[in-house]
């Protein structure tokens, strides 16, 4: 599971704010022979430290979300909410210190890592980044994770030595975020499934080895 809680007062590396970029499809430039689509640029931003004070205004927003879930008879035991004002640093949350692995949230972590550590290679997989963020596509996400960690999914299990080597490459992402103040048990190194375009409905080979015996709950280490 991925620990999303931030220690209050620690240096905050902010992830891209949806209001800072346009992820809608760009206009298509047509010619008599082909069509060319220019994909939007995605620019991560850095913000200030988290405030040590909660925000009553944000608290009300969170409480409304909780009450809405209850009104629809939805369980709240597995619900976690983190709400941050990126300008003031004030925050609110509900059960947001519980380690979880909420699917597509991890894609934002891969996006920031790519721009921070491999900005000179972004053009090589920018289309995959657009698919991952603009459409929350798991195939695009898989390609991005492969590119930024220099790893690749396999059909068959790896030998013990090869598995250790590839595992260490993937876990460089975890180490990166730990250096930014995230919990030591953060897990941002495992792919999201299914990937229907490749008829891969669950982890196999190397990706299955990373998860251990439980395919539903990714291992923290």
Protein backbone atom coordinates (compact mmCIF):
# COMPACT_ATOMS: atom_id res chain seq x y z
CA UNK A 1 0.00 0.00 0.00
CA UNK A 2 1.09 3.55 -0.57
CA UNK A 3 1.41 5.90 2.38
CA UNK A 4 0.09 9.28 1.25
CA UNK A 5 0.31 11.08 4.60
CA UNK A 6 2.82 13.90 4.80
CA UNK A 7 4.61 14.82 8.05
CA UNK A 8 3.42 18.29 9.01
CA UNK A 9 6.05 20.97 8.56
CA UNK A 10 8.24 18.91 6.26
CA UNK A 11 9.42 20.21 2.93
CA UNK A 12 6.67 19.62 0.43
CA UNK A 13 7.28 18.62 -3.15
CA UNK A 14 3.97 19.42 -4.76
CA UNK A 15 2.54 17.43 -7.59
CA UNK A 16 0.99 19.02 -10.68
CA UNK A 17 -2.10 21.09 -10.01
CA UNK A 18 -4.94 20.45 -12.43
CA UNK A 19 -5.59 24.18 -12.64
CA UNK A 20 -2.07 24.82 -13.91
CA UNK A 21 -2.37 22.90 -17.14
CA UNK A 22 -4.83 21.91 -19.81
CA UNK A 23 -5.05 18.18 -20.43
CA UNK A 24 -7.84 18.41 -22.98
CA UNK A 25 -7.01 17.09 -26.44
CA UNK A 26 -5.16 19.62 -28.56
CA UNK A 27 -6.41 20.70 -31.99
CA UNK A 28 -5.48 18.46 -34.88
CA UNK A 29 -3.52 19.95 -37.76
CA UNK A 30 -4.71 18.29 -40.93
CA UNK A 31 -2.93 17.77 -44.23
CA UNK A 32 -3.89 15.91 -47.36
CA UNK A 33 -1.83 12.89 -46.32
CA UNK A 34 -1.83 12.72 -42.55
CA UNK A 35 -3.01 14.13 -39.25
CA UNK A 36 -0.73 15.41 -36.54
CA UNK A 37 -1.82 15.90 -32.94
CA UNK A 38 0.29 18.17 -30.76
CA UNK A 39 0.03 16.96 -27.17
CA UNK A 40 -0.10 19.48 -24.30
CA UNK A 41 2.92 20.14 -22.14
CA UNK A 42 2.63 19.16 -18.48
CA UNK A 43 4.62 21.31 -16.08
CA UNK A 44 4.95 20.17 -12.45
CA UNK A 45 5.17 22.93 -9.86
CA UNK A 46 6.80 23.28 -6.45
CA UNK A 47 4.83 24.89 -3.61
CA UNK A 48 5.50 25.88 -0.03
CA UNK A 49 5.47 23.86 3.17
CA UNK A 50 2.28 22.47 4.64
CA UNK A 51 0.68 24.72 7.20
CA UNK A 52 0.49 23.44 10.76
CA UNK A 53 -3.12 24.69 10.93
CA UNK A 54 -6.20 22.95 9.66
CA UNK A 55 -8.70 24.93 7.62
CA UNK A 56 -12.33 25.11 8.86
CA UNK A 57 -13.41 25.86 5.30
CA UNK A 58 -11.70 22.74 3.97
CA UNK A 59 -13.05 20.77 6.95
CA UNK A 60 -16.58 21.63 5.83
CA UNK A 61 -15.84 20.39 2.32
CA UNK A 62 -14.49 17.10 3.67
CA UNK A 63 -17.45 16.68 6.03
CA UNK A 64 -19.89 17.21 3.17
CA UNK A 65 -18.15 14.47 1.21
CA UNK A 66 -18.40 12.09 4.18
CA UNK A 67 -22.08 12.89 4.72
CA UNK A 68 -22.76 12.36 1.03
CA UNK A 69 -21.25 8.88 1.18
CA UNK A 70 -23.35 8.07 4.22
CA UNK A 71 -26.51 9.34 2.51
CA UNK A 72 -25.86 6.90 -0.33
CA UNK A 73 -25.26 4.05 2.13
CA UNK A 74 -21.64 3.81 1.04
CA UNK A 75 -19.13 2.44 3.57
CA UNK A 76 -16.76 4.99 5.07
CA UNK A 77 -14.36 2.51 6.69
CA UNK A 78 -12.28 2.34 3.52
CA UNK A 79 -12.70 6.04 2.71
CA UNK A 80 -9.75 8.41 2.97
CA UNK A 81 -9.74 12.06 1.94
CA UNK A 82 -6.84 14.50 1.71
CA UNK A 83 -7.67 18.08 0.73
CA UNK A 84 -4.92 20.69 0.35
CA UNK A 85 -5.01 24.38 -0.49
CA UNK A 86 -1.89 24.64 -2.62
CA UNK A 87 -1.63 28.40 -2.11
CA UNK A 88 -1.93 28.62 1.68
CA UNK A 89 -0.62 25.16 2.58
CA UNK A 90 -3.66 24.57 4.80
CA UNK A 91 -5.23 21.16 4.70
CA UNK A 92 -8.00 18.91 5.89
CA UNK A 93 -8.55 15.20 5.76
CA UNK A 94 -10.43 12.14 6.88
CA UNK A 95 -8.58 8.93 7.78
CA UNK A 96 -5.74 10.26 5.65
CA UNK A 97 -2.92 8.78 7.71
CA UNK A 98 -3.97 5.21 6.89
CA UNK A 99 -1.69 3.53 4.31
CA UNK A 100 -3.61 2.75 1.12
CA UNK A 101 -2.85 2.06 -2.54
CA UNK A 102 -5.51 4.06 -4.42
CA UNK A 103 -4.93 2.99 -8.02
CA UNK A 104 -4.46 6.01 -10.27
CA UNK A 105 -3.10 8.35 -7.60
CA UNK A 106 0.28 6.69 -8.05
CA UNK A 107 0.38 7.93 -11.66
CA UNK A 108 0.89 11.48 -10.40
CA UNK A 109 3.95 10.29 -8.50
CA UNK A 110 5.38 8.79 -11.69
CA UNK A 111 4.65 12.00 -13.58
CA UNK A 112 6.57 14.16 -11.13
CA UNK A 113 9.47 11.70 -10.92
CA UNK A 114 9.73 11.72 -14.72
CA UNK A 115 9.94 15.50 -14.96
CA UNK A 116 12.26 15.85 -11.97
CA UNK A 117 14.73 13.09 -12.78
CA UNK A 118 14.45 12.47 -16.53
CA UNK A 119 13.36 15.77 -18.06
CA UNK A 120 15.94 15.37 -20.82
CA UNK A 121 14.23 12.15 -21.98
CA UNK A 122 10.60 13.25 -21.71
CA UNK A 123 10.18 13.55 -25.48
CA UNK A 124 10.86 9.83 -25.79
CA UNK A 125 7.69 8.92 -23.89
CA UNK A 126 5.61 12.10 -23.80
CA UNK A 127 2.73 10.42 -25.63
CA UNK A 128 2.61 7.77 -22.90
CA UNK A 129 2.58 10.51 -20.26
CA UNK A 130 -0.40 12.12 -21.95
CA UNK A 131 -2.25 8.80 -22.04
CA UNK A 132 -1.42 8.15 -18.37
CA UNK A 133 -2.49 11.56 -17.05
CA UNK A 134 -4.94 12.84 -19.64
CA UNK A 135 -6.88 9.56 -19.85
CA UNK A 136 -5.70 7.66 -16.75
CA UNK A 137 -4.71 4.86 -19.11
CA UNK A 138 -2.94 1.89 -17.53
CA UNK A 139 -1.02 1.03 -20.70
CA UNK A 140 0.41 4.53 -20.86
CA UNK A 141 1.22 4.31 -17.15
CA UNK A 142 2.98 0.98 -17.69
CA UNK A 143 5.11 2.47 -20.45
CA UNK A 144 6.01 5.49 -18.34
CA UNK A 145 7.03 3.36 -15.36
CA UNK A 146 9.17 1.18 -17.63
CA UNK A 147 10.85 4.26 -19.08
CA UNK A 148 11.64 6.05 -15.82
CA UNK A 149 12.95 2.94 -14.06
CA UNK A 150 14.59 1.15 -17.02
CA UNK A 151 12.59 -1.99 -16.24
CA UNK A 152 10.14 -4.07 -18.22
CA UNK A 153 7.29 -6.40 -17.39
CA UNK A 154 7.77 -10.08 -18.14
CA UNK A 155 5.51 -13.03 -18.81
CA UNK A 156 7.61 -15.39 -16.70
CA UNK A 157 9.18 -15.05 -13.26
CA UNK A 158 12.73 -13.74 -13.10
CA UNK A 159 15.60 -15.59 -11.48
CA UNK A 160 16.43 -14.54 -7.93
CA UNK A 161 19.41 -12.42 -9.04
CA UNK A 162 17.58 -10.73 -11.91
CA UNK A 163 14.55 -10.09 -9.73
CA UNK A 164 16.69 -8.36 -7.10
CA UNK A 165 18.31 -6.15 -9.76
CA UNK A 166 15.01 -5.13 -11.34
CA UNK A 167 13.35 -4.65 -7.98
CA UNK A 168 16.06 -2.22 -6.89
CA UNK A 169 15.51 -0.19 -10.07
CA UNK A 170 11.79 0.11 -9.37
CA UNK A 171 12.38 1.02 -5.74
CA UNK A 172 14.47 4.04 -6.71
CA UNK A 173 11.11 5.82 -6.98
CA UNK A 174 10.32 4.98 -3.37
CA UNK A 175 13.73 6.24 -2.28
CA UNK A 176 13.19 9.47 -4.19
CA UNK A 177 9.95 10.24 -2.37
CA UNK A 178 11.36 9.20 0.98
CA UNK A 179 14.04 11.85 0.42
CA UNK A 180 11.21 14.37 -0.04
CA UNK A 181 9.75 13.60 3.37
CA UNK A 182 7.33 10.80 2.61
CA UNK A 183 6.95 7.81 4.91
CA UNK A 184 9.60 5.10 4.78
CA UNK A 185 6.95 2.59 3.72
CA UNK A 186 5.75 4.48 0.66
CA UNK A 187 5.18 2.20 -2.32
CA UNK A 188 5.05 3.85 -5.73
CA UNK A 189 6.88 1.10 -7.58
CA UNK A 190 4.13 -1.26 -8.75
CA UNK A 191 2.06 -1.05 -11.92
CA UNK A 192 -1.68 -0.51 -12.14
CA UNK A 193 -3.92 -3.18 -13.63
CA UNK A 194 -5.74 -4.27 -15.74
CA UNK A 195 -4.12 -3.40 -19.06
CA UNK A 196 -6.86 -4.55 -21.46
CA UNK A 197 -5.04 -3.45 -24.64
CA UNK A 198 -2.49 -6.18 -23.94
CA UNK A 199 -5.02 -8.58 -22.41
CA UNK A 200 -3.20 -8.38 -19.07
CA UNK A 201 -5.88 -8.46 -16.40
CA UNK A 202 -3.62 -8.96 -13.39
CA UNK A 203 0.10 -8.94 -12.57
CA UNK A 204 2.28 -11.71 -13.94
CA UNK A 205 5.98 -12.47 -14.13
CA UNK A 206 8.11 -9.73 -12.59
CA UNK A 207 5.10 -7.65 -11.55
CA UNK A 208 3.54 -10.59 -9.76
CA UNK A 209 6.81 -11.31 -7.96
CA UNK A 210 6.85 -7.72 -6.69
CA UNK A 211 3.46 -8.19 -5.07
CA UNK A 212 4.16 -11.48 -3.38
CA UNK A 213 1.24 -13.83 -2.77
CA UNK A 214 -1.48 -11.21 -2.39
CA UNK A 215 -2.41 -9.68 -5.75
CA UNK A 216 -5.05 -7.41 -4.25
CA UNK A 217 -2.81 -5.57 -1.80
CA UNK A 218 0.60 -4.48 -3.13
CA UNK A 219 3.44 -5.10 -0.71
CA UNK A 220 5.02 -2.08 0.92
CA UNK A 221 8.55 -3.39 0.44
